[in-house]
Amino acid sequence: MSYQILQEGVFFKENSLKVKIMFRDPEIPYSLHSHDFYELVVVVSGRGSHLTLGAETPIGEGSVLFVRPGVQHGYGKLDNLRLYNILIGSDVFSKEISDLSEMPGFKTFFLYSEENIPIFKLNNYQLTETIFLLKEIKAESERVGFAMGSAAMAYAKLLQLVIKIARIHTPKLQGSTRSTAERLDPIMLFIEQNLDRSLTLEELVSVANMSASTLNRQFKAYTGWSPVAFHIHRRIAYACSLILKADMSVEELSEASGFSDGNYFSRQFRSHMHMSPKQYKKLWTGQ
């Protein structure tokens, strides 16, 4: 039985960085096919089935899978499935990225046998951070002529993404990491649902159902931030997304992301992004 083979030349321009990110909103049913490049898939929302030769695996929000060249796969039974396709040229993935082969998580996820496409699930926090990173890679990789070092920046952020996924998937850490993730998942969800206002430590402690000291210790060990500082960081990330899709003043951005006034918002933005909101908009949109 014949099947479609997708070629690098269709997706990548000659003499350009062979990294392309496509947001499928929604994904459409796709029969079994293969490609001569690598494909990393991150599901944002919805449901569906991932198809391989003789197998059908349910996928949904947070699902991550990696398809190597020559491996047949497809999609079916879709219910508003929205996902990112990260296409990676074979030469890109065979260079410095191969140096990561000693990472256990890299071996089990990116160097799997061709008979089995690995799929695992990101929690809410991991998915949010991954989407933010994907948007940055997409913006850099689509810059005309790769001005201002965009090719190098896109590749650096791709490495960051691969390392992040490998660390999450590291077998020896899965037990402890998952238990911590499960304990913190309610507070992560609460934070994501309240990016338009400030939160107090008391509110977060109540949602987490643990003492302030325990919450601070576990949260910082897991994310590198205190809960309140992480919430501010996520609100700034939310403001960044608003800058890219809406023409809003500093005051409007401040109000939308729950800051008390424009000056305080601008200080926090500069502290986290190392530039002003205006500079951020010009960097990513050219406006």
C-alpha atoms as a PDB file:
ATOM      1  CA  MET A   1       0.000   0.000   0.000  1.00  0.00           C
ATOM      2  CA  SER A   2       1.456   3.370  -1.033  1.00  0.00           C
ATOM      3  CA  TYR A   3       1.574   6.355   1.275  1.00  0.00           C
ATOM      4  CA  GLN A   4       2.688   9.969   1.023  1.00  0.00           C
ATOM      5  CA  ILE A   5       6.289  10.939   1.805  1.00  0.00           C
ATOM      6  CA  LEU A   6       6.723  14.628   2.674  1.00  0.00           C
ATOM      7  CA  GLN A   7      10.029  16.149   1.543  1.00  0.00           C
ATOM      8  CA  GLU A   8      12.221  18.766   3.257  1.00  0.00           C
ATOM      9  CA  GLY A   9      12.297  20.894   0.111  1.00  0.00           C
ATOM     10  CA  VAL A  10       8.572  21.588   0.404  1.00  0.00           C
ATOM     11  CA  PHE A  11       8.861  23.132   3.874  1.00  0.00           C
ATOM     12  CA  PHE A  12      12.358  24.616   4.134  1.00  0.00           C
ATOM     13  CA  LYS A  13      13.905  27.308   1.963  1.00  0.00           C
ATOM     14  CA  GLU A  14      17.307  26.683   0.452  1.00  0.00           C
ATOM     15  CA  ASN A  15      20.232  27.966   2.555  1.00  0.00           C
ATOM     16  CA  SER A  16      17.974  28.733   5.505  1.00  0.00           C
ATOM     17  CA  LEU A  17      17.674  27.302   9.001  1.00  0.00           C
ATOM     18  CA  LYS A  18      15.702  24.099   8.613  1.00  0.00           C
ATOM     19  CA  VAL A  19      13.306  24.707  11.464  1.00  0.00           C
ATOM     20  CA  LYS A  20       9.651  25.487  10.823  1.00  0.00           C
ATOM     21  CA  ILE A  21       6.799  25.794  13.304  1.00  0.00           C
ATOM     22  CA  MET A  22       3.197  25.514  12.152  1.00  0.00           C
ATOM     23  CA  PHE A  23       0.150  26.040  14.362  1.00  0.00           C
ATOM     24  CA  ARG A  24      -2.669  23.758  13.218  1.00  0.00           C
ATOM     25  CA  ASP A  25      -5.957  25.323  14.349  1.00  0.00           C
ATOM     26  CA  PRO A  26      -7.574  22.900  14.032  1.00  0.00           C
ATOM     27  CA  GLU A  27      -5.655  19.894  12.772  1.00  0.00           C
ATOM     28  CA  ILE A  28      -7.416  17.964  10.003  1.00  0.00           C
ATOM     29  CA  PRO A  29      -7.614  14.179   9.542  1.00  0.00           C
ATOM     30  CA  TYR A  30      -4.409  12.963   7.914  1.00  0.00           C
ATOM     31  CA  SER A  31      -3.855   9.438   6.585  1.00  0.00           C
ATOM     32  CA  LEU A  32      -0.619   7.561   7.215  1.00  0.00           C
ATOM     33  CA  HIS A  33       2.385   9.390   5.809  1.00  0.00           C
ATOM     34  CA  SER A  34       6.070   9.868   6.552  1.00  0.00           C
ATOM     35  CA  HIS A  35       8.699  12.556   5.971  1.00  0.00           C
ATOM     36  CA  ASP A  36      12.445  12.834   5.498  1.00  0.00           C
ATOM     37  CA  PHE A  37      12.756  15.253   8.427  1.00  0.00           C
ATOM     38  CA  TYR A  38      11.967  15.143  12.152  1.00  0.00           C
ATOM     39  CA  GLU A  39       8.645  16.306  13.588  1.00  0.00           C
ATOM     40  CA  LEU A  40       7.924  17.280  17.182  1.00  0.00           C
ATOM     41  CA  VAL A  41       4.231  17.696  18.034  1.00  0.00           C
ATOM     42  CA  VAL A  42       2.769  19.582  21.011  1.00  0.00           C
ATOM     43  CA  VAL A  43      -1.018  19.425  21.481  1.00  0.00           C
ATOM     44  CA  VAL A  44      -2.543  22.656  22.818  1.00  0.00           C
ATOM     45  CA  SER A  45      -6.172  21.562  23.185  1.00  0.00           C
ATOM     46  CA  GLY A  46      -8.881  19.273  21.858  1.00  0.00           C
ATOM     47  CA  ARG A  47      -8.787  15.520  21.332  1.00  0.00           C
ATOM     48  CA  GLY A  48      -7.995  12.995  18.660  1.00  0.00           C
ATOM     49  CA  SER A  49      -6.147   9.815  17.786  1.00  0.00           C
ATOM     50  CA  HIS A  50      -2.569   9.488  16.648  1.00  0.00           C
ATOM     51  CA  LEU A  51      -2.281   6.745  14.046  1.00  0.00           C
ATOM     52  CA  THR A  52       0.672   4.477  13.328  1.00  0.00           C
ATOM     53  CA  LEU A  53       0.994   1.151  11.531  1.00  0.00           C
ATOM     54  CA  GLY A  54      -1.392  -1.134  13.412  1.00  0.00           C
ATOM     55  CA  ALA A  55      -1.923   1.226  16.365  1.00  0.00           C
ATOM     56  CA  GLU A  56      -4.154   4.109  17.437  1.00  0.00           C
ATOM     57  CA  THR A  57      -3.301   6.222  20.503  1.00  0.00           C
ATOM     58  CA  PRO A  58      -5.559   8.891  22.065  1.00  0.00           C
ATOM     59  CA  ILE A  59      -3.979  12.350  22.334  1.00  0.00           C
ATOM     60  CA  GLY A  60      -5.189  15.581  23.913  1.00  0.00           C
ATOM     61  CA  GLU A  61      -4.124  18.759  25.689  1.00  0.00           C
ATOM     62  CA  GLY A  62      -0.476  18.536  26.732  1.00  0.00           C
ATOM     63  CA  SER A  63       0.378  15.482  24.615  1.00  0.00           C
ATOM     64  CA  VAL A  64       3.885  15.555  23.134  1.00  0.00           C
ATOM     65  CA  LEU A  65       5.181  13.155  20.494  1.00  0.00           C
ATOM     66  CA  PHE A  66       8.265  12.900  18.307  1.00  0.00           C
ATOM     67  CA  VAL A  67       8.321  11.380  14.818  1.00  0.00           C
ATOM     68  CA  ARG A  68      11.596  10.386  13.203  1.00  0.00           C
ATOM     69  CA  PRO A  69      12.244  10.368   9.423  1.00  0.00           C
ATOM     70  CA  GLY A  70      10.676   7.435   7.610  1.00  0.00           C
ATOM     71  CA  VAL A  71       8.188   6.584  10.372  1.00  0.00           C
ATOM     72  CA  GLN A  72       4.556   6.423   9.229  1.00  0.00           C
ATOM     73  CA  HIS A  73       1.929   8.272  11.255  1.00  0.00           C
ATOM     74  CA  GLY A  74      -1.326  10.197  10.883  1.00  0.00           C
ATOM     75  CA  TYR A  75      -4.343  11.666  12.708  1.00  0.00           C
ATOM     76  CA  GLY A  76      -7.982  10.615  13.016  1.00  0.00           C
ATOM     77  CA  LYS A  77     -11.147  10.933  15.157  1.00  0.00           C
ATOM     78  CA  LEU A  78     -10.421  14.628  15.698  1.00  0.00           C
ATOM     79  CA  ASP A  79     -12.418  16.871  18.015  1.00  0.00           C
ATOM     80  CA  ASN A  80     -11.128  20.451  17.607  1.00  0.00           C
ATOM     81  CA  LEU A  81      -7.539  19.255  17.958  1.00  0.00           C
ATOM     82  CA  ARG A  82      -5.143  22.232  18.022  1.00  0.00           C
ATOM     83  CA  LEU A  83      -1.423  21.587  17.933  1.00  0.00           C
ATOM     84  CA  TYR A  84       2.027  22.861  17.069  1.00  0.00           C
ATOM     85  CA  ASN A  85       4.042  21.005  14.429  1.00  0.00           C
ATOM     86  CA  ILE A  86       7.763  21.628  14.845  1.00  0.00           C
ATOM     87  CA  LEU A  87       9.533  20.489  11.676  1.00  0.00           C
ATOM     88  CA  ILE A  88      13.280  19.956  12.088  1.00  0.00           C
ATOM     89  CA  GLY A  89      15.640  19.244   9.197  1.00  0.00           C
ATOM     90  CA  SER A  90      17.615  16.015   9.423  1.00  0.00           C
ATOM     91  CA  ASP A  91      20.961  17.830   9.372  1.00  0.00           C
ATOM     92  CA  VAL A  92      19.877  20.225  12.144  1.00  0.00           C
ATOM     93  CA  PHE A  93      18.998  17.389  14.488  1.00  0.00           C
ATOM     94  CA  SER A  94      22.140  15.398  13.761  1.00  0.00           C
ATOM     95  CA  LYS A  95      24.639  18.088  14.783  1.00  0.00           C
ATOM     96  CA  GLU A  96      24.985  19.571  18.271  1.00  0.00           C
ATOM     97  CA  ILE A  97      21.699  18.054  19.415  1.00  0.00           C
ATOM     98  CA  SER A  98      23.274  14.605  19.173  1.00  0.00           C
ATOM     99  CA  ASP A  99      25.586  15.662  22.020  1.00  0.00           C
ATOM    100  CA  LEU A 100      22.553  15.362  24.294  1.00  0.00           C
ATOM    101  CA  SER A 101      22.383  11.612  23.698  1.00  0.00           C
ATOM    102  CA  GLU A 102      23.759  10.873  27.170  1.00  0.00           C
ATOM    103  CA  MET A 103      20.681  12.441  28.800  1.00  0.00           C
ATOM    104  CA  PRO A 104      18.357   9.564  29.821  1.00  0.00           C
ATOM    105  CA  GLY A 105      15.282  11.561  28.809  1.00  0.00           C
ATOM    106  CA  PHE A 106      16.790  12.330  25.414  1.00  0.00           C
ATOM    107  CA  LYS A 107      17.505   8.650  24.798  1.00  0.00           C
ATOM    108  CA  THR A 108      14.030   7.433  25.711  1.00  0.00           C
ATOM    109  CA  PHE A 109      12.094  10.146  23.864  1.00  0.00           C
ATOM    110  CA  PHE A 110      14.194  11.277  20.897  1.00  0.00           C
ATOM    111  CA  LEU A 111      16.181   8.092  20.173  1.00  0.00           C
ATOM    112  CA  TYR A 112      13.345   5.569  20.384  1.00  0.00           C
ATOM    113  CA  SER A 113      13.088   2.499  18.152  1.00  0.00           C
ATOM    114  CA  GLU A 114      11.166   3.069  14.929  1.00  0.00           C
ATOM    115  CA  GLU A 115       8.454   0.635  15.977  1.00  0.00           C
ATOM    116  CA  ASN A 116       7.229   2.835  18.817  1.00  0.00           C
ATOM    117  CA  ILE A 117       6.501   6.587  18.721  1.00  0.00           C
ATOM    118  CA  PRO A 118       6.739   7.853  22.323  1.00  0.00           C
ATOM    119  CA  ILE A 119       3.931  10.036  23.665  1.00  0.00           C
ATOM    120  CA  PHE A 120       3.805  11.688  27.064  1.00  0.00           C
ATOM    121  CA  LYS A 121       1.809  14.471  28.680  1.00  0.00           C
ATOM    122  CA  LEU A 122       2.870  17.894  29.951  1.00  0.00           C
ATOM    123  CA  ASN A 123       1.162  19.360  32.997  1.00  0.00           C
ATOM    124  CA  ASN A 124      -0.458  22.814  32.837  1.00  0.00           C
ATOM    125  CA  TYR A 125       2.684  24.680  33.857  1.00  0.00           C
ATOM    126  CA  GLN A 126       4.933  22.741  31.477  1.00  0.00           C
ATOM    127  CA  LEU A 127       2.524  23.208  28.564  1.00  0.00           C
ATOM    128  CA  THR A 128       2.228  26.959  29.150  1.00  0.00           C
ATOM    129  CA  GLU A 129       6.006  27.403  29.288  1.00  0.00           C
ATOM    130  CA  THR A 130       6.453  25.212  26.197  1.00  0.00           C
ATOM    131  CA  ILE A 131       3.908  27.200  24.169  1.00  0.00           C
ATOM    132  CA  PHE A 132       5.616  30.460  25.139  1.00  0.00           C
ATOM    133  CA  LEU A 133       8.961  29.049  23.972  1.00  0.00           C
ATOM    134  CA  LEU A 134       7.424  27.769  20.723  1.00  0.00           C
ATOM    135  CA  LYS A 135       6.069  31.239  19.945  1.00  0.00           C
ATOM    136  CA  GLU A 136       9.551  32.681  20.411  1.00  0.00           C
ATOM    137  CA  ILE A 137      11.114  30.070  18.111  1.00  0.00           C
ATOM    138  CA  LYS A 138       8.394  30.678  15.511  1.00  0.00           C
ATOM    139  CA  ALA A 139       8.920  34.442  15.548  1.00  0.00           C
ATOM    140  CA  GLU A 140      12.702  34.122  15.215  1.00  0.00           C
ATOM    141  CA  SER A 141      12.578  31.461  12.485  1.00  0.00           C
ATOM    142  CA  GLU A 142      10.173  33.555  10.383  1.00  0.00           C
ATOM    143  CA  ARG A 143      12.227  36.755  10.403  1.00  0.00           C
ATOM    144  CA  VAL A 144      12.932  37.881   6.835  1.00  0.00           C
ATOM    145  CA  GLY A 145      16.554  37.204   5.945  1.00  0.00           C
ATOM    146  CA  PHE A 146      17.263  36.065   9.508  1.00  0.00           C
ATOM    147  CA  ALA A 147      18.371  39.574  10.453  1.00  0.00           C
ATOM    148  CA  MET A 148      19.808  40.397  13.872  1.00  0.00           C
ATOM    149  CA  GLY A 149      21.034  36.843  14.508  1.00  0.00           C
ATOM    150  CA  SER A 150      17.573  35.315  14.276  1.00  0.00           C
ATOM    151  CA  ALA A 151      18.780  31.982  12.878  1.00  0.00           C
ATOM    152  CA  ALA A 152      21.181  31.531  15.789  1.00  0.00           C
ATOM    153  CA  MET A 153      18.522  32.608  18.291  1.00  0.00           C
ATOM    154  CA  ALA A 154      15.920  30.241  16.815  1.00  0.00           C
ATOM    155  CA  TYR A 155      18.401  27.365  16.979  1.00  0.00           C
ATOM    156  CA  ALA A 156      19.396  28.228  20.560  1.00  0.00           C
ATOM    157  CA  LYS A 157      15.756  28.233  21.624  1.00  0.00           C
ATOM    158  CA  LEU A 158      15.174  24.944  19.789  1.00  0.00           C
ATOM    159  CA  LEU A 159      17.985  23.432  21.859  1.00  0.00           C
ATOM    160  CA  GLN A 160      16.338  24.869  24.963  1.00  0.00           C
ATOM    161  CA  LEU A 161      13.052  23.215  23.980  1.00  0.00           C
ATOM    162  CA  VAL A 162      14.684  19.838  23.329  1.00  0.00           C
ATOM    163  CA  ILE A 163      16.538  19.948  26.657  1.00  0.00           C
ATOM    164  CA  LYS A 164      13.363  20.974  28.502  1.00  0.00           C
ATOM    165  CA  ILE A 165      11.439  18.020  27.047  1.00  0.00           C
ATOM    166  CA  ALA A 166      14.315  15.602  27.707  1.00  0.00           C
ATOM    167  CA  ARG A 167      14.514  16.708  31.350  1.00  0.00           C
ATOM    168  CA  ILE A 168      10.775  16.286  31.830  1.00  0.00           C
ATOM    169  CA  HIS A 169      10.977  12.838  30.268  1.00  0.00           C
ATOM    170  CA  THR A 170      14.036  11.677  32.239  1.00  0.00           C
ATOM    171  CA  PRO A 171      13.013   8.238  33.633  1.00  0.00           C
ATOM    172  CA  LYS A 172      14.978   8.441  36.883  1.00  0.00           C
ATOM    173  CA  LEU A 173      13.169  11.647  37.825  1.00  0.00           C
ATOM    174  CA  GLN A 174       9.677  10.743  36.698  1.00  0.00           C
ATOM    175  CA  GLY A 175       8.472   9.396  40.042  1.00  0.00           C
ATOM    176  CA  SER A 176       9.455  12.374  42.205  1.00  0.00           C
ATOM    177  CA  THR A 177       8.787  14.964  39.503  1.00  0.00           C
ATOM    178  CA  ARG A 178       5.305  13.661  38.823  1.00  0.00           C
ATOM    179  CA  SER A 179       4.349  13.535  42.474  1.00  0.00           C
ATOM    180  CA  THR A 180       5.486  17.132  42.918  1.00  0.00           C
ATOM    181  CA  ALA A 181       3.695  18.111  39.721  1.00  0.00           C
ATOM    182  CA  GLU A 182       0.493  16.491  40.925  1.00  0.00           C
ATOM    183  CA  ARG A 183       0.680  18.336  44.245  1.00  0.00           C
ATOM    184  CA  LEU A 184       1.292  21.663  42.537  1.00  0.00           C
ATOM    185  CA  ASP A 185      -1.080  21.182  39.600  1.00  0.00           C
ATOM    186  CA  PRO A 186      -4.090  22.842  41.325  1.00  0.00           C
ATOM    187  CA  ILE A 187      -2.094  25.967  42.110  1.00  0.00           C
ATOM    188  CA  MET A 188      -0.609  26.062  38.596  1.00  0.00           C
ATOM    189  CA  LEU A 189      -4.117  25.939  37.160  1.00  0.00           C
ATOM    190  CA  PHE A 190      -5.285  28.644  39.589  1.00  0.00           C
ATOM    191  CA  ILE A 191      -2.394  30.881  38.532  1.00  0.00           C
ATOM    192  CA  GLU A 192      -3.172  30.404  34.825  1.00  0.00           C
ATOM    193  CA  GLN A 193      -6.830  31.238  35.451  1.00  0.00           C
ATOM    194  CA  ASN A 194      -5.932  34.488  37.225  1.00  0.00           C
ATOM    195  CA  LEU A 195      -3.463  36.292  34.997  1.00  0.00           C
ATOM    196  CA  ASP A 196      -5.623  39.428  35.011  1.00  0.00           C
ATOM    197  CA  ARG A 197      -5.161  40.232  38.696  1.00  0.00           C
ATOM    198  CA  SER A 198      -2.650  40.025  41.521  1.00  0.00           C
ATOM    199  CA  LEU A 199      -2.715  37.085  43.936  1.00  0.00           C
ATOM    200  CA  THR A 200      -1.680  37.038  47.577  1.00  0.00           C
ATOM    201  CA  LEU A 201       0.357  34.297  49.200  1.00  0.00           C
ATOM    202  CA  GLU A 202      -2.639  33.598  51.445  1.00  0.00           C
ATOM    203  CA  GLU A 203      -4.821  32.847  48.401  1.00  0.00           C
ATOM    204  CA  LEU A 204      -2.197  30.546  46.940  1.00  0.00           C
ATOM    205  CA  VAL A 205      -1.700  28.738  50.252  1.00  0.00           C
ATOM    206  CA  SER A 206      -5.443  28.155  50.482  1.00  0.00           C
ATOM    207  CA  VAL A 207      -5.591  26.654  46.986  1.00  0.00           C
ATOM    208  CA  ALA A 208      -2.480  24.529  47.552  1.00  0.00           C
ATOM    209  CA  ASN A 209      -3.801  23.247  50.890  1.00  0.00           C
ATOM    210  CA  MET A 210      -0.354  23.323  52.482  1.00  0.00           C
ATOM    211  CA  SER A 211       1.575  25.669  54.747  1.00  0.00           C
ATOM    212  CA  ALA A 212       3.254  28.763  53.322  1.00  0.00           C
ATOM    213  CA  SER A 213       6.731  27.407  54.079  1.00  0.00           C
ATOM    214  CA  THR A 214       5.996  24.040  52.439  1.00  0.00           C
ATOM    215  CA  LEU A 215       4.446  25.698  49.397  1.00  0.00           C
ATOM    216  CA  ASN A 216       7.367  28.095  48.973  1.00  0.00           C
ATOM    217  CA  ARG A 217       9.926  25.306  49.327  1.00  0.00           C
ATOM    218  CA  GLN A 218       8.252  22.850  46.936  1.00  0.00           C
ATOM    219  CA  PHE A 219       7.256  25.503  44.415  1.00  0.00           C
ATOM    220  CA  LYS A 220      10.723  27.032  44.238  1.00  0.00           C
ATOM    221  CA  ALA A 221      12.358  23.610  43.931  1.00  0.00           C
ATOM    222  CA  TYR A 222      10.027  22.780  41.031  1.00  0.00           C
ATOM    223  CA  THR A 223       9.999  26.091  39.115  1.00  0.00           C
ATOM    224  CA  GLY A 224      12.906  28.134  40.451  1.00  0.00           C
ATOM    225  CA  TRP A 225      10.458  30.861  41.528  1.00  0.00           C
ATOM    226  CA  SER A 226       8.442  31.633  44.626  1.00  0.00           C
ATOM    227  CA  PRO A 227       4.671  31.277  43.963  1.00  0.00           C
ATOM    228  CA  VAL A 228       4.044  35.048  43.973  1.00  0.00           C
ATOM    229  CA  ALA A 229       7.095  35.798  41.803  1.00  0.00           C
ATOM    230  CA  PHE A 230       6.068  33.052  39.372  1.00  0.00           C
ATOM    231  CA  HIS A 231       2.579  34.535  39.113  1.00  0.00           C
ATOM    232  CA  ILE A 232       4.078  37.921  38.239  1.00  0.00           C
ATOM    233  CA  HIS A 233       6.274  36.202  35.652  1.00  0.00           C
ATOM    234  CA  ARG A 234       3.235  34.521  34.087  1.00  0.00           C
ATOM    235  CA  ARG A 235       1.328  37.831  34.014  1.00  0.00           C
ATOM    236  CA  ILE A 236       4.230  39.430  32.165  1.00  0.00           C
ATOM    237  CA  ALA A 237       4.221  36.497  29.722  1.00  0.00           C
ATOM    238  CA  TYR A 238       0.478  37.063  29.279  1.00  0.00           C
ATOM    239  CA  ALA A 239       1.136  40.749  28.585  1.00  0.00           C
ATOM    240  CA  CYS A 240       3.702  39.698  25.963  1.00  0.00           C
ATOM    241  CA  SER A 241       1.058  37.621  24.187  1.00  0.00           C
ATOM    242  CA  LEU A 242      -1.328  40.595  24.235  1.00  0.00           C
ATOM    243  CA  ILE A 243       1.336  42.855  22.741  1.00  0.00           C
ATOM    244  CA  LEU A 244       1.714  40.495  19.783  1.00  0.00           C
ATOM    245  CA  LYS A 245      -1.980  40.150  18.984  1.00  0.00           C
ATOM    246  CA  ALA A 246      -3.560  43.483  19.971  1.00  0.00           C
ATOM    247  CA  ASP A 247      -2.775  47.187  19.679  1.00  0.00           C
ATOM    248  CA  MET A 248      -2.913  48.176  23.349  1.00  0.00           C
ATOM    249  CA  SER A 249      -1.424  51.059  25.315  1.00  0.00           C
ATOM    250  CA  VAL A 250       0.813  50.482  28.339  1.00  0.00           C
ATOM    251  CA  GLU A 251      -2.099  51.391  30.600  1.00  0.00           C
ATOM    252  CA  GLU A 252      -4.382  48.893  28.847  1.00  0.00           C
ATOM    253  CA  LEU A 253      -1.737  46.171  29.063  1.00  0.00           C
ATOM    254  CA  SER A 254      -1.234  46.989  32.735  1.00  0.00           C
ATOM    255  CA  GLU A 255      -4.943  46.693  33.486  1.00  0.00           C
ATOM    256  CA  ALA A 256      -5.366  43.506  31.424  1.00  0.00           C
ATOM    257  CA  SER A 257      -2.547  41.774  33.310  1.00  0.00           C
ATOM    258  CA  GLY A 258      -3.662  42.974  36.729  1.00  0.00           C
ATOM    259  CA  PHE A 259      -1.031  45.568  37.630  1.00  0.00           C
ATOM    260  CA  SER A 260      -1.928  48.588  39.733  1.00  0.00           C
ATOM    261  CA  ASP A 261      -0.575  51.230  37.358  1.00  0.00           C
ATOM    262  CA  GLY A 262       1.335  51.622  34.115  1.00  0.00           C
ATOM    263  CA  ASN A 263       4.612  52.656  35.734  1.00  0.00           C
ATOM    264  CA  TYR A 264       4.708  49.611  38.024  1.00  0.00           C
ATOM    265  CA  PHE A 265       3.811  47.366  35.088  1.00  0.00           C
ATOM    266  CA  SER A 266       6.598  48.878  32.961  1.00  0.00           C
ATOM    267  CA  ARG A 267       9.151  48.324  35.735  1.00  0.00           C
ATOM    268  CA  GLN A 268       8.097  44.693  36.150  1.00  0.00           C
ATOM    269  CA  PHE A 269       8.099  44.168  32.377  1.00  0.00           C
ATOM    270  CA  ARG A 270      11.628  45.532  32.028  1.00  0.00           C
ATOM    271  CA  SER A 271      12.797  43.458  34.993  1.00  0.00           C
ATOM    272  CA  HIS A 272      11.514  40.222  33.423  1.00  0.00           C
ATOM    273  CA  MET A 273      12.041  40.892  29.704  1.00  0.00           C
ATOM    274  CA  HIS A 274      15.075  43.235  29.869  1.00  0.00           C
ATOM    275  CA  MET A 275      13.321  45.711  27.587  1.00  0.00           C
ATOM    276  CA  SER A 276      10.269  47.966  27.598  1.00  0.00           C
ATOM    277  CA  PRO A 277       6.860  46.882  26.236  1.00  0.00           C
ATOM    278  CA  LYS A 278       7.416  49.218  23.278  1.00  0.00           C
ATOM    279  CA  GLN A 279      10.806  47.673  22.520  1.00  0.00           C
ATOM    280  CA  TYR A 280       9.323  44.176  22.815  1.00  0.00           C
ATOM    281  CA  LYS A 281       6.609  45.014  20.300  1.00  0.00           C
ATOM    282  CA  LYS A 282       9.105  46.485  17.847  1.00  0.00           C
ATOM    283  CA  LEU A 283      11.410  43.482  18.221  1.00  0.00           C
ATOM    284  CA  TRP A 284       8.709  40.926  17.416  1.00  0.00           C
ATOM    285  CA  THR A 285       6.394  42.847  15.072  1.00  0.00           C
ATOM    286  CA  GLY A 286       8.638  45.530  13.575  1.00  0.00           C
ATOM    287  CA  GLN A 287       6.072  48.186  14.546  1.00  0.00           C
END
